[in-house]
């Protein structure tokens, strides 16, 4: 499943290498990428929390069939 995670601040790409990093003009970072299951998603969210990063939004990106 493909997810988009929006966090506050400019996130260095080495912290979440599996994700595409998109930087916005309002100092937020969109992390976009594939995760194999919900357990992997929780792992990423735990990592965000451990780094003290503010989570703004989490979206599941629907794949076109």
PDB file of N, CA and C in Angstrom:
ATOM      1  N   UNK A   1       0.839  -1.176   0.000  1.00  0.00           N
ATOM      2  CA  UNK A   1       0.000   0.000   0.000  1.00  0.00           C
ATOM      3  C   UNK A   1       0.884   1.239   0.000  1.00  0.00           C
ATOM      4  N   UNK A   2       0.416   2.263  -0.681  1.00  0.00           N
ATOM      5  CA  UNK A   2       1.179   3.504  -0.783  1.00  0.00           C
ATOM      6  C   UNK A   2       0.584   4.534   0.175  1.00  0.00           C
ATOM      7  N   UNK A   3       1.474   5.193   0.927  1.00  0.00           N
ATOM      8  CA  UNK A   3       1.054   6.173   1.926  1.00  0.00           C
ATOM      9  C   UNK A   3       1.725   7.509   1.673  1.00  0.00           C
ATOM     10  N   UNK A   4       1.066   8.558   2.162  1.00  0.00           N
ATOM     11  CA  UNK A   4       1.643   9.897   2.197  1.00  0.00           C
ATOM     12  C   UNK A   4       1.533  10.382   3.632  1.00  0.00           C
ATOM     13  N   UNK A   5       2.673  10.748   4.194  1.00  0.00           N
ATOM     14  CA  UNK A   5       2.742  11.198   5.581  1.00  0.00           C
ATOM     15  C   UNK A   5       3.270  12.625   5.577  1.00  0.00           C
ATOM     16  N   UNK A   6       2.501  13.539   6.153  1.00  0.00           N
ATOM     17  CA  UNK A   6       2.930  14.943   6.226  1.00  0.00           C
ATOM     18  C   UNK A   6       3.402  15.230   7.647  1.00  0.00           C
ATOM     19  N   UNK A   7       4.614  15.793   7.751  1.00  0.00           N
ATOM     20  CA  UNK A   7       5.183  16.139   9.047  1.00  0.00           C
ATOM     21  C   UNK A   7       5.618  17.600   9.033  1.00  0.00           C
ATOM     22  N   UNK A   8       5.732  18.157  10.220  1.00  0.00           N
ATOM     23  CA  UNK A   8       6.167  19.545  10.361  1.00  0.00           C
ATOM     24  C   UNK A   8       7.690  19.590  10.273  1.00  0.00           C
ATOM     25  N   UNK A   9       8.194  20.549   9.510  1.00  0.00           N
ATOM     26  CA  UNK A   9       9.632  20.738   9.390  1.00  0.00           C
ATOM     27  C   UNK A   9      10.206  20.106   8.135  1.00  0.00           C
ATOM     28  N   UNK A  10      11.484  20.367   7.932  1.00  0.00           N
ATOM     29  CA  UNK A  10      12.208  19.820   6.785  1.00  0.00           C
ATOM     30  C   UNK A  10      12.909  18.555   7.259  1.00  0.00           C
ATOM     31  N   UNK A  11      12.483  17.426   6.717  1.00  0.00           N
ATOM     32  CA  UNK A  11      12.984  16.122   7.128  1.00  0.00           C
ATOM     33  C   UNK A  11      14.167  15.708   6.248  1.00  0.00           C
ATOM     34  N   UNK A  12      15.339  15.450   6.853  1.00  0.00           N
ATOM     35  CA  UNK A  12      16.467  14.979   6.044  1.00  0.00           C
ATOM     36  C   UNK A  12      16.133  13.631   5.394  1.00  0.00           C
ATOM     37  N   UNK A  13      16.552  13.446   4.162  1.00  0.00           N
ATOM     38  CA  UNK A  13      16.188  12.230   3.428  1.00  0.00           C
ATOM     39  C   UNK A  13      16.816  10.970   4.013  1.00  0.00           C
ATOM     40  N   UNK A  14      17.921  11.075   4.743  1.00  0.00           N
ATOM     41  CA  UNK A  14      18.550   9.880   5.291  1.00  0.00           C
ATOM     42  C   UNK A  14      17.730   9.247   6.424  1.00  0.00           C
ATOM     43  N   UNK A  15      16.809   9.988   7.028  1.00  0.00           N
ATOM     44  CA  UNK A  15      16.016   9.428   8.127  1.00  0.00           C
ATOM     45  C   UNK A  15      14.968   8.429   7.643  1.00  0.00           C
ATOM     46  N   UNK A  16      14.416   8.673   6.485  1.00  0.00           N
ATOM     47  CA  UNK A  16      13.393   7.795   5.922  1.00  0.00           C
ATOM     48  C   UNK A  16      13.752   7.545   4.452  1.00  0.00           C
ATOM     49  N   UNK A  17      14.770   6.749   4.231  1.00  0.00           N
ATOM     50  CA  UNK A  17      15.315   6.546   2.887  1.00  0.00           C
ATOM     51  C   UNK A  17      14.339   5.858   1.936  1.00  0.00           C
ATOM     52  N   UNK A  18      13.419   5.072   2.465  1.00  0.00           N
ATOM     53  CA  UNK A  18      12.489   4.332   1.610  1.00  0.00           C
ATOM     54  C   UNK A  18      11.390   5.222   1.033  1.00  0.00           C
ATOM     55  N   UNK A  19      11.319   6.461   1.496  1.00  0.00           N
ATOM     56  CA  UNK A  19      10.254   7.368   1.076  1.00  0.00           C
ATOM     57  C   UNK A  19      10.777   8.465   0.168  1.00  0.00           C
ATOM     58  N   UNK A  20       9.934   8.879  -0.748  1.00  0.00           N
ATOM     59  CA  UNK A  20      10.192  10.083  -1.535  1.00  0.00           C
ATOM     60  C   UNK A  20       9.918  11.271  -0.612  1.00  0.00           C
ATOM     61  N   UNK A  21      10.791  12.254  -0.617  1.00  0.00           N
ATOM     62  CA  UNK A  21      10.642  13.453   0.203  1.00  0.00           C
ATOM     63  C   UNK A  21      10.217  14.627  -0.663  1.00  0.00           C
ATOM     64  N   UNK A  22       9.121  15.256  -0.311  1.00  0.00           N
ATOM     65  CA  UNK A  22       8.640  16.437  -1.022  1.00  0.00           C
ATOM     66  C   UNK A  22       8.549  17.564  -0.006  1.00  0.00           C
ATOM     67  N   UNK A  23       9.290  18.636  -0.257  1.00  0.00           N
ATOM     68  CA  UNK A  23       9.320  19.766   0.667  1.00  0.00           C
ATOM     69  C   UNK A  23       8.346  20.834   0.196  1.00  0.00           C
ATOM     70  N   UNK A  24       7.555  21.363   1.129  1.00  0.00           N
ATOM     71  CA  UNK A  24       6.565  22.382   0.791  1.00  0.00           C
ATOM     72  C   UNK A  24       7.098  23.767   1.170  1.00  0.00           C
ATOM     73  N   UNK A  25       6.446  24.795   0.659  1.00  0.00           N
ATOM     74  CA  UNK A  25       6.857  26.176   0.939  1.00  0.00           C
ATOM     75  C   UNK A  25       6.596  26.579   2.382  1.00  0.00           C
ATOM     76  N   UNK A  26       5.714  25.871   3.067  1.00  0.00           N
ATOM     77  CA  UNK A  26       5.389  26.221   4.456  1.00  0.00           C
ATOM     78  C   UNK A  26       6.141  25.340   5.463  1.00  0.00           C
ATOM     79  N   UNK A  27       7.347  24.885   5.094  1.00  0.00           N
ATOM     80  CA  UNK A  27       8.252  24.132   5.971  1.00  0.00           C
ATOM     81  C   UNK A  27       7.638  22.845   6.517  1.00  0.00           C
ATOM     82  N   UNK A  28       7.064  22.106   5.602  1.00  0.00           N
ATOM     83  CA  UNK A  28       6.554  20.780   5.929  1.00  0.00           C
ATOM     84  C   UNK A  28       7.168  19.798   4.937  1.00  0.00           C
ATOM     85  N   UNK A  29       7.189  18.540   5.320  1.00  0.00           N
ATOM     86  CA  UNK A  29       7.721  17.498   4.448  1.00  0.00           C
ATOM     87  C   UNK A  29       6.651  16.450   4.212  1.00  0.00           C
ATOM     88  N   UNK A  30       6.467  16.079   2.952  1.00  0.00           N
ATOM     89  CA  UNK A  30       5.602  14.965   2.600  1.00  0.00           C
ATOM     90  C   UNK A  30       6.492  13.761   2.339  1.00  0.00           C
ATOM     91  N   UNK A  31       6.231  12.686   3.064  1.00  0.00           N
ATOM     92  CA  UNK A  31       6.930  11.429   2.836  1.00  0.00           C
ATOM     93  C   UNK A  31       5.972  10.537   2.076  1.00  0.00           C
ATOM     94  N   UNK A  32       6.376  10.071   0.907  1.00  0.00           N
ATOM     95  CA  UNK A  32       5.475   9.278   0.074  1.00  0.00           C
ATOM     96  C   UNK A  32       6.181   7.983  -0.304  1.00  0.00           C
ATOM     97  N   UNK A  33       5.502   6.854  -0.025  1.00  0.00           N
ATOM     98  CA  UNK A  33       6.128   5.588  -0.381  1.00  0.00           C
ATOM     99  C   UNK A  33       5.271   4.377  -0.068  1.00  0.00           C
ATOM    100  N   UNK A  34       5.788   3.225  -0.444  1.00  0.00           N
ATOM    101  CA  UNK A  34       5.106   1.941  -0.273  1.00  0.00           C
ATOM    102  C   UNK A  34       5.508   1.308   1.049  1.00  0.00           C
ATOM    103  N   UNK A  35       4.524   0.710   1.709  1.00  0.00           N
ATOM    104  CA  UNK A  35       4.764  -0.091   2.906  1.00  0.00           C
ATOM    105  C   UNK A  35       4.072  -1.435   2.716  1.00  0.00           C
ATOM    106  N   UNK A  36       4.704  -2.494   3.185  1.00  0.00           N
ATOM    107  CA  UNK A  36       4.169  -3.820   2.893  1.00  0.00           C
ATOM    108  C   UNK A  36       2.917  -4.165   3.681  1.00  0.00           C
ATOM    109  N   UNK A  37       2.800  -3.621   4.882  1.00  0.00           N
ATOM    110  CA  UNK A  37       1.616  -3.920   5.686  1.00  0.00           C
ATOM    111  C   UNK A  37       1.446  -2.868   6.781  1.00  0.00           C
ATOM    112  N   UNK A  38       0.412  -3.047   7.576  1.00  0.00           N
ATOM    113  CA  UNK A  38       0.098  -2.070   8.622  1.00  0.00           C
ATOM    114  C   UNK A  38       1.161  -2.057   9.723  1.00  0.00           C
ATOM    115  N   UNK A  39       1.785  -3.183   9.947  1.00  0.00           N
ATOM    116  CA  UNK A  39       2.859  -3.251  10.937  1.00  0.00           C
ATOM    117  C   UNK A  39       4.022  -2.337  10.540  1.00  0.00           C
ATOM    118  N   UNK A  40       4.355  -2.321   9.252  1.00  0.00           N
ATOM    119  CA  UNK A  40       5.414  -1.434   8.755  1.00  0.00           C
ATOM    120  C   UNK A  40       5.017   0.030   8.933  1.00  0.00           C
ATOM    121  N   UNK A  41       3.749   0.334   8.721  1.00  0.00           N
ATOM    122  CA  UNK A  41       3.252   1.698   8.924  1.00  0.00           C
ATOM    123  C   UNK A  41       3.423   2.121  10.383  1.00  0.00           C
ATOM    124  N   UNK A  42       3.051   1.240  11.299  1.00  0.00           N
ATOM    125  CA  UNK A  42       3.210   1.566  12.721  1.00  0.00           C
ATOM    126  C   UNK A  42       4.686   1.760  13.084  1.00  0.00           C
ATOM    127  N   UNK A  43       5.559   1.020  12.438  1.00  0.00           N
ATOM    128  CA  UNK A  43       6.991   1.199  12.671  1.00  0.00           C
ATOM    129  C   UNK A  43       7.463   2.581  12.255  1.00  0.00           C
ATOM    130  N   UNK A  44       6.986   3.048  11.110  1.00  0.00           N
ATOM    131  CA  UNK A  44       7.348   4.391  10.630  1.00  0.00           C
ATOM    132  C   UNK A  44       6.779   5.449  11.572  1.00  0.00           C
ATOM    133  N   UNK A  45       5.522   5.280  11.978  1.00  0.00           N
ATOM    134  CA  UNK A  45       4.910   6.250  12.895  1.00  0.00           C
ATOM    135  C   UNK A  45       5.638   6.286  14.236  1.00  0.00           C
ATOM    136  N   UNK A  46       6.101   5.135  14.705  1.00  0.00           N
ATOM    137  CA  UNK A  46       6.864   5.076  15.958  1.00  0.00           C
ATOM    138  C   UNK A  46       8.185   5.818  15.801  1.00  0.00           C
ATOM    139  N   UNK A  47       8.818   5.661  14.649  1.00  0.00           N
ATOM    140  CA  UNK A  47      10.080   6.348  14.376  1.00  0.00           C
ATOM    141  C   UNK A  47       9.871   7.865  14.354  1.00  0.00           C
ATOM    142  N   UNK A  48       8.786   8.312  13.741  1.00  0.00           N
ATOM    143  CA  UNK A  48       8.458   9.742  13.716  1.00  0.00           C
ATOM    144  C   UNK A  48       8.293  10.263  15.142  1.00  0.00           C
ATOM    145  N   UNK A  49       7.586   9.506  15.963  1.00  0.00           N
ATOM    146  CA  UNK A  49       7.378   9.903  17.360  1.00  0.00           C
ATOM    147  C   UNK A  49       8.700   9.908  18.128  1.00  0.00           C
ATOM    148  N   UNK A  50       9.540   8.906  17.919  1.00  0.00           N
ATOM    149  CA  UNK A  50      10.827   8.826  18.617  1.00  0.00           C
ATOM    150  C   UNK A  50      11.733  10.004  18.285  1.00  0.00           C
ATOM    151  N   UNK A  51      11.657  10.500  17.055  1.00  0.00           N
ATOM    152  CA  UNK A  51      12.455  11.660  16.652  1.00  0.00           C
ATOM    153  C   UNK A  51      11.853  12.970  17.144  1.00  0.00           C
ATOM    154  N   UNK A  52      10.650  12.916  17.715  1.00  0.00           N
ATOM    155  CA  UNK A  52       9.995  14.129  18.212  1.00  0.00           C
ATOM    156  C   UNK A  52       9.441  15.000  17.099  1.00  0.00           C
ATOM    157  N   UNK A  53       9.084  14.366  15.993  1.00  0.00           N
ATOM    158  CA  UNK A  53       8.565  15.089  14.828  1.00  0.00           C
ATOM    159  C   UNK A  53       7.049  15.179  14.951  1.00  0.00           C
ATOM    160  N   UNK A  54       6.500  16.342  14.622  1.00  0.00           N
ATOM    161  CA  UNK A  54       5.051  16.532  14.694  1.00  0.00           C
ATOM    162  C   UNK A  54       4.385  15.957  13.449  1.00  0.00           C
ATOM    163  N   UNK A  55       3.513  14.972  13.648  1.00  0.00           N
ATOM    164  CA  UNK A  55       2.740  14.380  12.564  1.00  0.00           C
ATOM    165  C   UNK A  55       1.543  15.267  12.272  1.00  0.00           C
ATOM    166  N   UNK A  56       1.355  15.621  11.009  1.00  0.00           N
ATOM    167  CA  UNK A  56       0.254  16.490  10.618  1.00  0.00           C
ATOM    168  C   UNK A  56      -0.861  15.704   9.951  1.00  0.00           C
ATOM    169  N   UNK A  57      -0.478  14.793   9.056  1.00  0.00           N
ATOM    170  CA  UNK A  57      -1.499  14.071   8.290  1.00  0.00           C
ATOM    171  C   UNK A  57      -0.944  12.744   7.794  1.00  0.00           C
ATOM    172  N   UNK A  58      -1.819  11.743   7.738  1.00  0.00           N
ATOM    173  CA  UNK A  58      -1.495  10.444   7.174  1.00  0.00           C
ATOM    174  C   UNK A  58      -2.582  10.089   6.182  1.00  0.00           C
ATOM    175  N   UNK A  59      -2.188   9.746   4.948  1.00  0.00           N
ATOM    176  CA  UNK A  59      -3.174   9.397   3.923  1.00  0.00           C
ATOM    177  C   UNK A  59      -2.766   8.109   3.221  1.00  0.00           C
ATOM    178  N   UNK A  60      -3.748   7.274   2.964  1.00  0.00           N
ATOM    179  CA  UNK A  60      -3.570   6.116   2.110  1.00  0.00           C
ATOM    180  C   UNK A  60      -3.830   6.586   0.686  1.00  0.00           C
ATOM    181  N   UNK A  61      -2.879   6.360  -0.195  1.00  0.00           N
ATOM    182  CA  UNK A  61      -3.033   6.754  -1.589  1.00  0.00           C
ATOM    183  C   UNK A  61      -3.577   5.560  -2.344  1.00  0.00           C
ATOM    184  N   UNK A  62      -4.762   5.713  -2.880  1.00  0.00           N
ATOM    185  CA  UNK A  62      -5.407   4.621  -3.603  1.00  0.00           C
ATOM    186  C   UNK A  62      -4.692   4.398  -4.935  1.00  0.00           C
ATOM    187  N   UNK A  63      -4.415   3.156  -5.207  1.00  0.00           N
ATOM    188  CA  UNK A  63      -3.802   2.779  -6.469  1.00  0.00           C
ATOM    189  C   UNK A  63      -4.879   2.673  -7.537  1.00  0.00           C
ATOM    190  N   UNK A  64      -4.609   3.213  -8.718  1.00  0.00           N
ATOM    191  CA  UNK A  64      -5.558   3.096  -9.822  1.00  0.00           C
ATOM    192  C   UNK A  64      -5.459   1.707 -10.409  1.00  0.00           C
ATOM    193  N   UNK A  65      -6.599   1.081 -10.655  1.00  0.00           N
ATOM    194  CA  UNK A  65      -6.628  -0.280 -11.191  1.00  0.00           C
ATOM    195  C   UNK A  65      -6.958  -0.257 -12.663  1.00  0.00           C
TER     196      UNK A  65
END
